[in-house]
Amino acid sequence: MKQAVAYYRVSTQRQGRSGLGLDAQQSAIKSYCQYNGYALIDEVVEIKSTRRYQIRLWEAMESCQKLDAVLFVARLDRLGRDVEQIARLVKSNVEIIVTDNPNATRLTIHILAAVAEDQRQRISETTREALAAAKRRGAELGRNGKKLALKNKRAAEEFAASLMPTLDQLKNKGITSIRAISQELNRRRVPSFTGGQWHPNTVHTLLKRLRPHHS
């Protein structure tokens, strides 16, 4: 039986303590190993910002080299968001399997990483443009534009309430998970409160704002 080492990465200490994101990664890798004949001999958890050096990732790589094991990650972005770093990883002699795209070759992983980096840059540019537009409309944004200032709370609640019919419609169609809702809102080109795209965390915030309406 082929041996496997799992590498999990969460971006903050809070996610590491709560298991947010970690449980899903563990479930994906353990299920893949179980059904494809891999013995999971080690699990490495990295709690780091995506912009910092991923020390435990390289420890996991060294472990794979010593044990002749395969390195498993749940998604490509868990390896990192830097194309040059991923290029170094795929050039090593360690086999890497991404469970949500297990047939990806080293070349495919490199290409997907480059495409993902380009998309992030485009989203970042779109977000900056949306924040600038919000400021021009008179919206007061919080520090670094990452959270709403207190004076925007009422506007955010009104925006959330305006989306209730759309959310009820999605619910009737069986679209209830946070990730599925974010994907459907983006597919319908429904802008978020800041004018950008939807992500699971922004949908989560939206639903929290709507809880009083459903109580």
N, C-alpha and C. Protein backbone atom coordinates (compact mmCIF):
# COMPACT_ATOMS: atom_id res chain seq x y z
N MET A 1 0.84 -1.19 0.00
CA MET A 1 0.00 0.00 0.00
C MET A 1 0.88 1.25 0.00
N LYS A 2 0.58 2.17 -0.89
CA LYS A 2 1.35 3.40 -1.00
C LYS A 2 1.11 4.28 0.21
N GLN A 3 2.18 4.91 0.71
CA GLN A 3 2.06 5.76 1.88
C GLN A 3 1.75 7.21 1.48
N ALA A 4 1.03 7.90 2.36
CA ALA A 4 0.62 9.27 2.06
C ALA A 4 0.85 10.17 3.26
N VAL A 5 1.22 11.43 2.95
CA VAL A 5 1.34 12.47 3.96
C VAL A 5 0.38 13.59 3.56
N ALA A 6 -0.50 13.99 4.48
CA ALA A 6 -1.48 15.04 4.19
C ALA A 6 -0.96 16.38 4.67
N TYR A 7 -1.16 17.39 3.84
CA TYR A 7 -0.80 18.75 4.22
C TYR A 7 -2.06 19.60 4.21
N TYR A 8 -2.37 20.19 5.36
CA TYR A 8 -3.53 21.06 5.49
C TYR A 8 -3.04 22.47 5.83
N ARG A 9 -3.70 23.47 5.25
CA ARG A 9 -3.33 24.85 5.59
C ARG A 9 -4.58 25.67 5.87
N VAL A 10 -4.55 26.34 7.01
CA VAL A 10 -5.59 27.33 7.34
C VAL A 10 -4.87 28.65 7.49
N SER A 11 -5.54 29.73 7.16
CA SER A 11 -4.85 31.01 7.02
C SER A 11 -4.74 31.81 8.30
N THR A 12 -5.52 31.46 9.34
CA THR A 12 -5.46 32.23 10.58
C THR A 12 -5.48 31.33 11.79
N GLN A 13 -5.03 31.86 12.93
CA GLN A 13 -5.08 31.12 14.18
C GLN A 13 -6.52 30.77 14.54
N ARG A 14 -7.43 31.67 14.24
CA ARG A 14 -8.84 31.43 14.56
C ARG A 14 -9.37 30.22 13.80
N GLN A 15 -9.03 30.13 12.51
CA GLN A 15 -9.47 28.97 11.72
C GLN A 15 -8.84 27.70 12.25
N GLY A 16 -7.59 27.79 12.70
CA GLY A 16 -6.92 26.61 13.22
C GLY A 16 -7.58 26.09 14.48
N ARG A 17 -8.00 27.00 15.36
CA ARG A 17 -8.64 26.59 16.61
C ARG A 17 -10.05 26.07 16.37
N SER A 18 -10.77 26.70 15.47
CA SER A 18 -12.17 26.34 15.26
C SER A 18 -12.35 25.15 14.34
N GLY A 19 -11.32 24.84 13.54
CA GLY A 19 -11.46 23.77 12.57
C GLY A 19 -12.10 24.25 11.29
N LEU A 20 -12.41 25.57 11.20
CA LEU A 20 -13.04 26.12 10.00
C LEU A 20 -12.14 25.91 8.80
N GLY A 21 -12.61 25.15 7.83
CA GLY A 21 -11.79 24.87 6.66
C GLY A 21 -10.94 23.63 6.82
N LEU A 22 -10.52 23.35 8.05
CA LEU A 22 -9.65 22.19 8.29
C LEU A 22 -10.42 20.88 8.15
N ASP A 23 -11.62 20.83 8.73
CA ASP A 23 -12.42 19.60 8.67
C ASP A 23 -12.68 19.16 7.24
N ALA A 24 -12.99 20.12 6.38
CA ALA A 24 -13.29 19.80 4.98
C ALA A 24 -12.05 19.24 4.29
N GLN A 25 -10.89 19.83 4.56
CA GLN A 25 -9.65 19.33 3.95
C GLN A 25 -9.34 17.92 4.42
N GLN A 26 -9.49 17.68 5.72
CA GLN A 26 -9.22 16.35 6.27
C GLN A 26 -10.17 15.31 5.70
N SER A 27 -11.43 15.67 5.60
CA SER A 27 -12.43 14.73 5.07
C SER A 27 -12.12 14.36 3.62
N ALA A 28 -11.75 15.36 2.81
CA ALA A 28 -11.47 15.11 1.39
C ALA A 28 -10.28 14.17 1.22
N ILE A 29 -9.21 14.42 1.97
CA ILE A 29 -8.00 13.62 1.82
C ILE A 29 -8.18 12.21 2.39
N LYS A 30 -8.78 12.11 3.57
CA LYS A 30 -8.98 10.80 4.18
C LYS A 30 -9.89 9.92 3.32
N SER A 31 -10.92 10.51 2.76
CA SER A 31 -11.83 9.73 1.90
C SER A 31 -11.10 9.25 0.65
N TYR A 32 -10.30 10.13 0.04
CA TYR A 32 -9.56 9.74 -1.16
C TYR A 32 -8.59 8.61 -0.85
N CYS A 33 -7.86 8.73 0.24
CA CYS A 33 -6.89 7.69 0.61
C CYS A 33 -7.59 6.36 0.87
N GLN A 34 -8.71 6.42 1.56
CA GLN A 34 -9.44 5.21 1.91
C GLN A 34 -9.92 4.44 0.67
N TYR A 35 -10.41 5.18 -0.31
CA TYR A 35 -10.99 4.53 -1.49
C TYR A 35 -9.99 4.28 -2.61
N ASN A 36 -8.77 4.76 -2.44
CA ASN A 36 -7.77 4.56 -3.49
C ASN A 36 -6.51 3.85 -3.01
N GLY A 37 -6.58 3.23 -1.85
CA GLY A 37 -5.51 2.37 -1.39
C GLY A 37 -4.26 3.07 -0.89
N TYR A 38 -4.41 4.20 -0.22
CA TYR A 38 -3.26 4.91 0.36
C TYR A 38 -3.33 4.83 1.88
N ALA A 39 -2.18 4.61 2.50
CA ALA A 39 -2.10 4.60 3.95
C ALA A 39 -1.66 5.98 4.43
N LEU A 40 -2.53 6.67 5.11
CA LEU A 40 -2.23 8.02 5.59
C LEU A 40 -1.38 7.91 6.85
N ILE A 41 -0.10 8.18 6.73
CA ILE A 41 0.82 7.96 7.85
C ILE A 41 1.16 9.24 8.62
N ASP A 42 0.86 10.38 8.06
CA ASP A 42 1.17 11.63 8.75
C ASP A 42 0.26 12.75 8.24
N GLU A 43 -0.09 13.65 9.14
CA GLU A 43 -0.91 14.81 8.79
C GLU A 43 -0.22 16.06 9.33
N VAL A 44 0.02 17.01 8.45
CA VAL A 44 0.72 18.24 8.81
C VAL A 44 -0.23 19.41 8.66
N VAL A 45 -0.38 20.19 9.72
CA VAL A 45 -1.26 21.35 9.69
C VAL A 45 -0.43 22.62 9.79
N GLU A 46 -0.65 23.50 8.84
CA GLU A 46 0.05 24.79 8.81
C GLU A 46 -0.97 25.90 9.10
N ILE A 47 -0.67 26.73 10.11
CA ILE A 47 -1.53 27.86 10.41
C ILE A 47 -0.72 29.10 10.12
N LYS A 48 -0.87 29.59 8.90
CA LYS A 48 -0.04 30.71 8.43
C LYS A 48 -0.84 31.61 7.51
N SER A 49 -0.41 32.83 7.43
CA SER A 49 -0.93 33.74 6.41
C SER A 49 -0.41 33.26 5.06
N THR A 50 -1.21 33.46 4.00
CA THR A 50 -0.79 33.03 2.67
C THR A 50 0.43 33.78 2.18
N ARG A 51 0.75 34.90 2.80
CA ARG A 51 1.88 35.70 2.34
C ARG A 51 3.16 35.37 3.08
N ARG A 52 3.12 34.43 4.01
CA ARG A 52 4.30 34.06 4.76
C ARG A 52 4.87 32.74 4.28
N TYR A 53 6.12 32.55 4.62
CA TYR A 53 6.80 31.32 4.23
C TYR A 53 6.14 30.12 4.90
N GLN A 54 5.84 29.10 4.15
CA GLN A 54 5.13 27.94 4.67
C GLN A 54 6.13 26.88 5.13
N ILE A 55 6.59 27.03 6.37
CA ILE A 55 7.63 26.16 6.90
C ILE A 55 7.18 24.71 6.95
N ARG A 56 5.98 24.47 7.44
CA ARG A 56 5.51 23.10 7.61
C ARG A 56 5.28 22.38 6.28
N LEU A 57 5.02 23.14 5.23
CA LEU A 57 4.88 22.52 3.91
C LEU A 57 6.20 21.86 3.51
N TRP A 58 7.29 22.55 3.72
CA TRP A 58 8.59 21.98 3.34
C TRP A 58 8.97 20.84 4.26
N GLU A 59 8.50 20.88 5.51
CA GLU A 59 8.71 19.75 6.41
C GLU A 59 7.95 18.53 5.89
N ALA A 60 6.74 18.75 5.40
CA ALA A 60 5.94 17.66 4.85
C ALA A 60 6.61 17.09 3.60
N MET A 61 7.19 17.96 2.78
CA MET A 61 7.90 17.52 1.57
C MET A 61 9.10 16.64 1.94
N GLU A 62 9.84 17.05 2.95
CA GLU A 62 11.00 16.27 3.40
C GLU A 62 10.56 14.93 3.95
N SER A 63 9.44 14.92 4.66
CA SER A 63 8.90 13.67 5.19
C SER A 63 8.54 12.71 4.06
N CYS A 64 7.96 13.24 3.00
CA CYS A 64 7.61 12.41 1.84
C CYS A 64 8.86 11.83 1.19
N GLN A 65 9.91 12.63 1.10
CA GLN A 65 11.15 12.14 0.49
C GLN A 65 11.77 11.02 1.30
N LYS A 66 11.76 11.16 2.62
CA LYS A 66 12.35 10.15 3.50
C LYS A 66 11.55 8.85 3.50
N LEU A 67 10.22 8.99 3.44
CA LEU A 67 9.35 7.82 3.57
C LEU A 67 8.85 7.30 2.23
N ASP A 68 9.29 7.92 1.13
CA ASP A 68 8.82 7.58 -0.21
C ASP A 68 7.29 7.64 -0.24
N ALA A 69 6.76 8.73 0.27
CA ALA A 69 5.31 8.90 0.36
C ALA A 69 4.82 9.95 -0.63
N VAL A 70 3.52 9.94 -0.85
CA VAL A 70 2.88 10.92 -1.73
C VAL A 70 2.34 12.07 -0.88
N LEU A 71 2.53 13.30 -1.34
CA LEU A 71 1.99 14.45 -0.63
C LEU A 71 0.57 14.73 -1.12
N PHE A 72 -0.36 14.82 -0.18
CA PHE A 72 -1.76 15.08 -0.52
C PHE A 72 -2.20 16.46 -0.03
N VAL A 73 -2.89 17.19 -0.88
CA VAL A 73 -3.57 18.43 -0.48
C VAL A 73 -4.99 18.36 -1.01
N ALA A 74 -5.91 19.02 -0.29
CA ALA A 74 -7.31 18.96 -0.69
C ALA A 74 -7.59 19.80 -1.93
N ARG A 75 -6.96 20.98 -1.99
CA ARG A 75 -7.14 21.88 -3.12
C ARG A 75 -5.80 22.50 -3.47
N LEU A 76 -5.69 22.94 -4.70
CA LEU A 76 -4.43 23.51 -5.17
C LEU A 76 -4.02 24.73 -4.35
N ASP A 77 -4.99 25.57 -3.95
CA ASP A 77 -4.63 26.78 -3.23
C ASP A 77 -4.06 26.51 -1.85
N ARG A 78 -4.19 25.26 -1.36
CA ARG A 78 -3.57 24.91 -0.07
C ARG A 78 -2.05 24.81 -0.19
N LEU A 79 -1.56 24.61 -1.39
CA LEU A 79 -0.10 24.57 -1.59
C LEU A 79 0.49 25.97 -1.51
N GLY A 80 -0.32 26.97 -1.73
CA GLY A 80 0.16 28.34 -1.72
C GLY A 80 -0.43 29.10 -2.88
N ARG A 81 -0.15 30.40 -2.92
CA ARG A 81 -0.71 31.24 -3.97
C ARG A 81 0.38 31.90 -4.80
N ASP A 82 1.56 31.40 -4.66
CA ASP A 82 2.69 31.95 -5.41
C ASP A 82 3.10 30.95 -6.48
N VAL A 83 3.02 31.37 -7.74
CA VAL A 83 3.31 30.46 -8.84
C VAL A 83 4.75 29.94 -8.78
N GLU A 84 5.68 30.81 -8.42
CA GLU A 84 7.08 30.39 -8.36
C GLU A 84 7.29 29.32 -7.30
N GLN A 85 6.61 29.47 -6.16
CA GLN A 85 6.73 28.46 -5.10
C GLN A 85 6.16 27.13 -5.57
N ILE A 86 4.99 27.16 -6.19
CA ILE A 86 4.38 25.92 -6.67
C ILE A 86 5.25 25.28 -7.74
N ALA A 87 5.90 26.11 -8.56
CA ALA A 87 6.80 25.58 -9.58
C ALA A 87 7.94 24.80 -8.93
N ARG A 88 8.47 25.30 -7.82
CA ARG A 88 9.54 24.58 -7.11
C ARG A 88 9.03 23.27 -6.55
N LEU A 89 7.80 23.28 -6.07
CA LEU A 89 7.22 22.06 -5.50
C LEU A 89 7.07 20.97 -6.56
N VAL A 90 6.52 21.34 -7.71
CA VAL A 90 6.26 20.33 -8.74
C VAL A 90 7.53 19.85 -9.41
N LYS A 91 8.62 20.62 -9.29
CA LYS A 91 9.90 20.19 -9.85
C LYS A 91 10.63 19.21 -8.94
N SER A 92 10.17 19.09 -7.69
CA SER A 92 10.81 18.16 -6.76
C SER A 92 10.46 16.72 -7.16
N ASN A 93 11.11 15.78 -6.49
CA ASN A 93 10.84 14.38 -6.82
C ASN A 93 9.70 13.80 -5.98
N VAL A 94 8.94 14.65 -5.31
CA VAL A 94 7.81 14.20 -4.51
C VAL A 94 6.54 14.23 -5.35
N GLU A 95 5.83 13.14 -5.35
CA GLU A 95 4.55 13.09 -6.07
C GLU A 95 3.50 13.86 -5.28
N ILE A 96 2.75 14.69 -5.96
CA ILE A 96 1.72 15.50 -5.31
C ILE A 96 0.36 15.16 -5.92
N ILE A 97 -0.62 14.90 -5.06
CA ILE A 97 -1.98 14.65 -5.52
C ILE A 97 -2.91 15.68 -4.89
N VAL A 98 -3.65 16.37 -5.75
CA VAL A 98 -4.66 17.34 -5.31
C VAL A 98 -6.01 16.63 -5.41
N THR A 99 -6.66 16.40 -4.27
CA THR A 99 -7.83 15.51 -4.28
C THR A 99 -9.00 16.02 -5.09
N ASP A 100 -9.14 17.35 -5.25
CA ASP A 100 -10.26 17.83 -6.05
C ASP A 100 -9.93 17.85 -7.55
N ASN A 101 -8.70 17.45 -7.89
CA ASN A 101 -8.28 17.31 -9.29
C ASN A 101 -7.17 16.26 -9.35
N PRO A 102 -7.50 15.02 -8.97
CA PRO A 102 -6.47 13.98 -8.80
C PRO A 102 -5.73 13.58 -10.07
N ASN A 103 -6.29 13.88 -11.22
CA ASN A 103 -5.63 13.50 -12.49
C ASN A 103 -4.69 14.58 -13.00
N ALA A 104 -4.55 15.67 -12.24
CA ALA A 104 -3.69 16.76 -12.67
C ALA A 104 -2.22 16.33 -12.67
N THR A 105 -1.55 16.60 -13.77
CA THR A 105 -0.11 16.31 -13.87
C THR A 105 0.67 17.49 -13.29
N ARG A 106 1.99 17.35 -13.24
CA ARG A 106 2.82 18.45 -12.75
C ARG A 106 2.62 19.69 -13.61
N LEU A 107 2.54 19.49 -14.92
CA LEU A 107 2.34 20.62 -15.82
C LEU A 107 0.98 21.26 -15.58
N THR A 108 -0.04 20.43 -15.40
CA THR A 108 -1.38 20.95 -15.16
C THR A 108 -1.44 21.77 -13.88
N ILE A 109 -0.80 21.28 -12.82
CA ILE A 109 -0.77 21.99 -11.55
C ILE A 109 -0.13 23.36 -11.72
N HIS A 110 0.97 23.39 -12.48
CA HIS A 110 1.67 24.66 -12.72
C HIS A 110 0.77 25.63 -13.49
N ILE A 111 0.11 25.13 -14.52
CA ILE A 111 -0.77 25.98 -15.33
C ILE A 111 -1.95 26.49 -14.51
N LEU A 112 -2.58 25.60 -13.74
CA LEU A 112 -3.71 26.00 -12.91
C LEU A 112 -3.31 27.05 -11.88
N ALA A 113 -2.11 26.92 -11.34
CA ALA A 113 -1.62 27.90 -10.37
C ALA A 113 -1.46 29.27 -11.02
N ALA A 114 -0.93 29.28 -12.25
CA ALA A 114 -0.74 30.54 -12.98
C ALA A 114 -2.09 31.19 -13.29
N VAL A 115 -3.06 30.37 -13.69
CA VAL A 115 -4.40 30.90 -14.00
C VAL A 115 -5.06 31.46 -12.74
N ALA A 116 -4.91 30.72 -11.61
CA ALA A 116 -5.50 31.17 -10.36
C ALA A 116 -4.90 32.50 -9.91
N GLU A 117 -3.58 32.65 -10.09
CA GLU A 117 -2.92 33.90 -9.70
C GLU A 117 -3.44 35.06 -10.56
N ASP A 118 -3.63 34.81 -11.84
CA ASP A 118 -4.15 35.85 -12.72
C ASP A 118 -5.57 36.25 -12.30
N GLN A 119 -6.40 35.27 -11.93
CA GLN A 119 -7.76 35.55 -11.50
C GLN A 119 -7.78 36.37 -10.22
N ARG A 120 -6.88 36.03 -9.28
CA ARG A 120 -6.82 36.78 -8.03
C ARG A 120 -6.44 38.24 -8.27
N GLN A 121 -5.51 38.44 -9.19
CA GLN A 121 -5.11 39.80 -9.51
C GLN A 121 -6.27 40.59 -10.10
N ARG A 122 -7.04 39.93 -10.98
CA ARG A 122 -8.19 40.60 -11.60
C ARG A 122 -9.26 40.92 -10.55
N ILE A 123 -9.51 39.97 -9.63
CA ILE A 123 -10.49 40.19 -8.57
C ILE A 123 -10.05 41.33 -7.66
N SER A 124 -8.73 41.35 -7.36
CA SER A 124 -8.20 42.42 -6.51
C SER A 124 -8.40 43.78 -7.16
N GLU A 125 -8.16 43.85 -8.47
CA GLU A 125 -8.35 45.11 -9.18
C GLU A 125 -9.82 45.51 -9.18
N THR A 126 -10.70 44.52 -9.39
CA THR A 126 -12.14 44.80 -9.40
C THR A 126 -12.60 45.28 -8.03
N THR A 127 -12.06 44.66 -6.97
CA THR A 127 -12.45 45.04 -5.61
C THR A 127 -12.01 46.47 -5.31
N ARG A 128 -10.78 46.82 -5.71
CA ARG A 128 -10.30 48.18 -5.49
C ARG A 128 -11.18 49.19 -6.23
N GLU A 129 -11.57 48.84 -7.45
CA GLU A 129 -12.43 49.74 -8.22
C GLU A 129 -13.80 49.87 -7.55
N ALA A 130 -14.32 48.75 -7.01
CA ALA A 130 -15.63 48.78 -6.35
C ALA A 130 -15.57 49.63 -5.08
N LEU A 131 -14.49 49.50 -4.32
CA LEU A 131 -14.35 50.29 -3.10
C LEU A 131 -14.25 51.78 -3.43
N ALA A 132 -13.53 52.08 -4.51
CA ALA A 132 -13.41 53.49 -4.93
C ALA A 132 -14.77 54.03 -5.34
N ALA A 133 -15.55 53.19 -6.03
CA ALA A 133 -16.89 53.61 -6.45
C ALA A 133 -17.79 53.83 -5.24
N ALA A 134 -17.65 52.94 -4.23
CA ALA A 134 -18.46 53.07 -3.02
C ALA A 134 -18.13 54.37 -2.29
N LYS A 135 -16.85 54.71 -2.26
CA LYS A 135 -16.44 55.96 -1.62
C LYS A 135 -17.02 57.16 -2.36
N ARG A 136 -17.03 57.07 -3.70
CA ARG A 136 -17.58 58.18 -4.48
C ARG A 136 -19.07 58.34 -4.24
N ARG A 137 -19.75 57.22 -3.91
CA ARG A 137 -21.19 57.30 -3.62
C ARG A 137 -21.45 57.84 -2.21
N GLY A 138 -20.37 58.01 -1.44
CA GLY A 138 -20.53 58.54 -0.10
C GLY A 138 -20.51 57.50 0.99
N ALA A 139 -20.28 56.22 0.64
CA ALA A 139 -20.22 55.17 1.65
C ALA A 139 -18.94 55.33 2.45
N GLU A 140 -19.01 55.14 3.76
CA GLU A 140 -17.84 55.25 4.61
C GLU A 140 -17.33 53.85 4.88
N LEU A 141 -16.12 53.57 4.45
CA LEU A 141 -15.55 52.24 4.59
C LEU A 141 -14.66 52.17 5.81
N GLY A 142 -14.59 50.98 6.40
CA GLY A 142 -13.78 50.79 7.58
C GLY A 142 -12.30 50.76 7.25
N ARG A 143 -11.48 50.53 8.27
CA ARG A 143 -10.03 50.53 8.12
C ARG A 143 -9.60 49.55 7.04
N ASN A 144 -8.76 50.02 6.11
CA ASN A 144 -8.23 49.22 5.00
C ASN A 144 -9.32 48.70 4.08
N GLY A 145 -10.56 49.21 4.23
CA GLY A 145 -11.66 48.77 3.37
C GLY A 145 -12.10 47.36 3.63
N LYS A 146 -11.67 46.72 4.76
CA LYS A 146 -11.98 45.32 5.00
C LYS A 146 -13.24 45.12 5.83
N LYS A 147 -13.69 46.13 6.50
CA LYS A 147 -14.94 46.00 7.25
C LYS A 147 -15.70 47.32 7.21
N LEU A 148 -16.98 47.20 7.35
CA LEU A 148 -17.81 48.41 7.26
C LEU A 148 -17.67 49.25 8.52
N ALA A 149 -17.61 50.55 8.33
CA ALA A 149 -17.63 51.45 9.47
C ALA A 149 -19.02 51.37 10.09
N LEU A 150 -19.12 51.79 11.33
CA LEU A 150 -20.38 51.69 12.05
C LEU A 150 -21.51 52.40 11.32
N LYS A 151 -21.20 53.53 10.68
CA LYS A 151 -22.24 54.31 10.00
C LYS A 151 -22.80 53.59 8.78
N ASN A 152 -22.11 52.54 8.31
CA ASN A 152 -22.60 51.80 7.14
C ASN A 152 -23.49 50.63 7.54
N LYS A 153 -23.63 50.39 8.83
CA LYS A 153 -24.36 49.21 9.28
C LYS A 153 -25.79 49.18 8.75
N ARG A 154 -26.48 50.32 8.87
CA ARG A 154 -27.88 50.37 8.42
C ARG A 154 -27.98 50.12 6.92
N ALA A 155 -27.06 50.69 6.15
CA ALA A 155 -27.08 50.49 4.70
C ALA A 155 -26.85 49.02 4.36
N ALA A 156 -25.95 48.39 5.11
CA ALA A 156 -25.66 46.97 4.86
C ALA A 156 -26.87 46.11 5.18
N GLU A 157 -27.58 46.45 6.26
CA GLU A 157 -28.78 45.68 6.64
C GLU A 157 -29.88 45.86 5.61
N GLU A 158 -30.03 47.07 5.09
CA GLU A 158 -31.04 47.32 4.06
C GLU A 158 -30.70 46.55 2.78
N PHE A 159 -29.41 46.50 2.46
CA PHE A 159 -28.98 45.76 1.28
C PHE A 159 -29.29 44.28 1.46
N ALA A 160 -29.00 43.76 2.66
CA ALA A 160 -29.27 42.35 2.93
C ALA A 160 -30.75 42.05 2.79
N ALA A 161 -31.58 42.93 3.34
CA ALA A 161 -33.04 42.73 3.27
C ALA A 161 -33.52 42.71 1.82
N SER A 162 -32.89 43.51 0.98
CA SER A 162 -33.30 43.57 -0.43
C SER A 162 -33.04 42.26 -1.17
N LEU A 163 -32.12 41.45 -0.62
CA LEU A 163 -31.78 40.18 -1.26
C LEU A 163 -32.61 39.01 -0.74
N MET A 164 -33.46 39.26 0.24
CA MET A 164 -34.26 38.17 0.81
C MET A 164 -35.09 37.42 -0.24
N PRO A 165 -35.78 38.12 -1.17
CA PRO A 165 -36.55 37.38 -2.19
C PRO A 165 -35.67 36.46 -3.03
N THR A 166 -34.48 36.94 -3.37
CA THR A 166 -33.56 36.13 -4.17
C THR A 166 -33.10 34.91 -3.39
N LEU A 167 -32.78 35.09 -2.12
CA LEU A 167 -32.33 33.99 -1.28
C LEU A 167 -33.45 32.96 -1.07
N ASP A 168 -34.68 33.46 -0.90
CA ASP A 168 -35.82 32.55 -0.76
C ASP A 168 -36.01 31.73 -2.03
N GLN A 169 -35.81 32.37 -3.17
CA GLN A 169 -35.93 31.67 -4.45
C GLN A 169 -34.87 30.58 -4.57
N LEU A 170 -33.65 30.89 -4.16
CA LEU A 170 -32.57 29.89 -4.20
C LEU A 170 -32.88 28.73 -3.26
N LYS A 171 -33.42 29.07 -2.09
CA LYS A 171 -33.75 28.04 -1.12
C LYS A 171 -34.80 27.08 -1.68
N ASN A 172 -35.80 27.62 -2.37
CA ASN A 172 -36.85 26.78 -2.96
C ASN A 172 -36.29 25.86 -4.05
N LYS A 173 -35.17 26.27 -4.65
CA LYS A 173 -34.52 25.45 -5.67
C LYS A 173 -33.52 24.47 -5.08
N GLY A 174 -33.41 24.48 -3.76
CA GLY A 174 -32.49 23.54 -3.10
C GLY A 174 -31.07 24.06 -2.98
N ILE A 175 -30.87 25.34 -3.29
CA ILE A 175 -29.53 25.94 -3.19
C ILE A 175 -29.43 26.57 -1.80
N THR A 176 -28.83 25.83 -0.87
CA THR A 176 -28.84 26.28 0.52
C THR A 176 -27.46 26.42 1.15
N SER A 177 -26.45 25.76 0.60
CA SER A 177 -25.13 25.87 1.22
C SER A 177 -24.52 27.23 0.90
N ILE A 178 -23.66 27.70 1.78
CA ILE A 178 -23.05 29.02 1.60
C ILE A 178 -22.26 29.09 0.31
N ARG A 179 -21.49 28.04 0.03
CA ARG A 179 -20.69 28.04 -1.20
C ARG A 179 -21.58 28.04 -2.44
N ALA A 180 -22.64 27.24 -2.42
CA ALA A 180 -23.55 27.18 -3.58
C ALA A 180 -24.26 28.51 -3.79
N ILE A 181 -24.63 29.18 -2.69
CA ILE A 181 -25.29 30.48 -2.81
C ILE A 181 -24.35 31.50 -3.44
N SER A 182 -23.09 31.52 -2.98
CA SER A 182 -22.12 32.48 -3.53
C SER A 182 -21.91 32.24 -5.01
N GLN A 183 -21.82 30.97 -5.41
CA GLN A 183 -21.61 30.66 -6.82
C GLN A 183 -22.81 31.08 -7.66
N GLU A 184 -24.02 30.87 -7.15
CA GLU A 184 -25.23 31.21 -7.90
C GLU A 184 -25.39 32.73 -8.01
N LEU A 185 -25.09 33.46 -6.93
CA LEU A 185 -25.17 34.92 -6.99
C LEU A 185 -24.18 35.48 -8.00
N ASN A 186 -22.98 34.89 -8.05
CA ASN A 186 -22.00 35.33 -9.05
C ASN A 186 -22.46 34.98 -10.46
N ARG A 187 -23.08 33.79 -10.60
CA ARG A 187 -23.57 33.38 -11.92
C ARG A 187 -24.65 34.33 -12.42
N ARG A 188 -25.46 34.82 -11.50
CA ARG A 188 -26.53 35.76 -11.86
C ARG A 188 -26.04 37.21 -11.95
N ARG A 189 -24.75 37.39 -11.68
CA ARG A 189 -24.13 38.72 -11.71
C ARG A 189 -24.78 39.68 -10.72
N VAL A 190 -25.14 39.14 -9.56
CA VAL A 190 -25.66 39.98 -8.48
C VAL A 190 -24.47 40.55 -7.72
N PRO A 191 -24.29 41.86 -7.66
CA PRO A 191 -23.12 42.42 -6.97
C PRO A 191 -23.27 42.32 -5.45
N SER A 192 -22.15 42.18 -4.77
CA SER A 192 -22.17 42.19 -3.31
C SER A 192 -22.35 43.63 -2.82
N PHE A 193 -22.38 43.83 -1.52
CA PHE A 193 -22.61 45.16 -0.96
C PHE A 193 -21.54 46.16 -1.41
N THR A 194 -20.30 45.68 -1.57
CA THR A 194 -19.22 46.57 -2.00
C THR A 194 -19.11 46.65 -3.52
N GLY A 195 -19.97 45.90 -4.22
CA GLY A 195 -19.95 45.94 -5.68
C GLY A 195 -19.09 44.87 -6.32
N GLY A 196 -18.45 44.03 -5.49
CA GLY A 196 -17.58 42.99 -6.02
C GLY A 196 -18.28 41.65 -6.13
N GLN A 197 -17.49 40.59 -6.22
CA GLN A 197 -18.04 39.25 -6.33
C GLN A 197 -18.36 38.69 -4.95
N TRP A 198 -19.15 37.62 -4.95
CA TRP A 198 -19.52 36.95 -3.72
C TRP A 198 -18.51 35.84 -3.41
N HIS A 199 -18.27 35.65 -2.12
CA HIS A 199 -17.43 34.57 -1.62
C HIS A 199 -18.16 33.96 -0.43
N PRO A 200 -17.81 32.74 -0.03
CA PRO A 200 -18.51 32.13 1.11
C PRO A 200 -18.55 33.02 2.35
N ASN A 201 -17.46 33.76 2.62
CA ASN A 201 -17.46 34.60 3.82
C ASN A 201 -18.42 35.78 3.70
N THR A 202 -18.56 36.35 2.48
CA THR A 202 -19.49 37.46 2.32
C THR A 202 -20.94 36.98 2.39
N VAL A 203 -21.19 35.76 1.91
CA VAL A 203 -22.55 35.19 2.03
C VAL A 203 -22.85 34.91 3.50
N HIS A 204 -21.86 34.41 4.22
CA HIS A 204 -22.04 34.14 5.65
C HIS A 204 -22.41 35.43 6.39
N THR A 205 -21.72 36.52 6.07
CA THR A 205 -22.02 37.81 6.69
C THR A 205 -23.43 38.27 6.33
N LEU A 206 -23.80 38.08 5.08
CA LEU A 206 -25.14 38.45 4.62
C LEU A 206 -26.22 37.71 5.41
N LEU A 207 -26.04 36.39 5.57
CA LEU A 207 -27.03 35.58 6.27
C LEU A 207 -27.11 35.96 7.75
N LYS A 208 -25.98 36.34 8.34
CA LYS A 208 -25.99 36.78 9.74
C LYS A 208 -26.82 38.06 9.87
N ARG A 209 -26.71 38.94 8.90
CA ARG A 209 -27.47 40.19 8.95
C ARG A 209 -28.98 39.92 8.82
N LEU A 210 -29.33 38.82 8.15
CA LEU A 210 -30.73 38.53 7.91
C LEU A 210 -31.40 37.76 9.04
N ARG A 211 -30.61 37.26 9.98
CA ARG A 211 -31.20 36.44 11.05
C ARG A 211 -32.31 37.14 11.81
N PRO A 212 -32.17 38.42 12.16
CA PRO A 212 -33.28 39.09 12.86
C PRO A 212 -34.60 39.07 12.09
N HIS A 213 -34.48 39.07 10.74
CA HIS A 213 -35.70 39.08 9.91
C HIS A 213 -36.43 37.74 9.95
N HIS A 214 -35.66 36.68 10.31
CA HIS A 214 -36.26 35.33 10.30
C HIS A 214 -36.64 34.88 11.69
N SER A 215 -36.32 35.69 12.71
CA SER A 215 -36.61 35.28 14.10
C SER A 215 -38.07 35.59 14.47
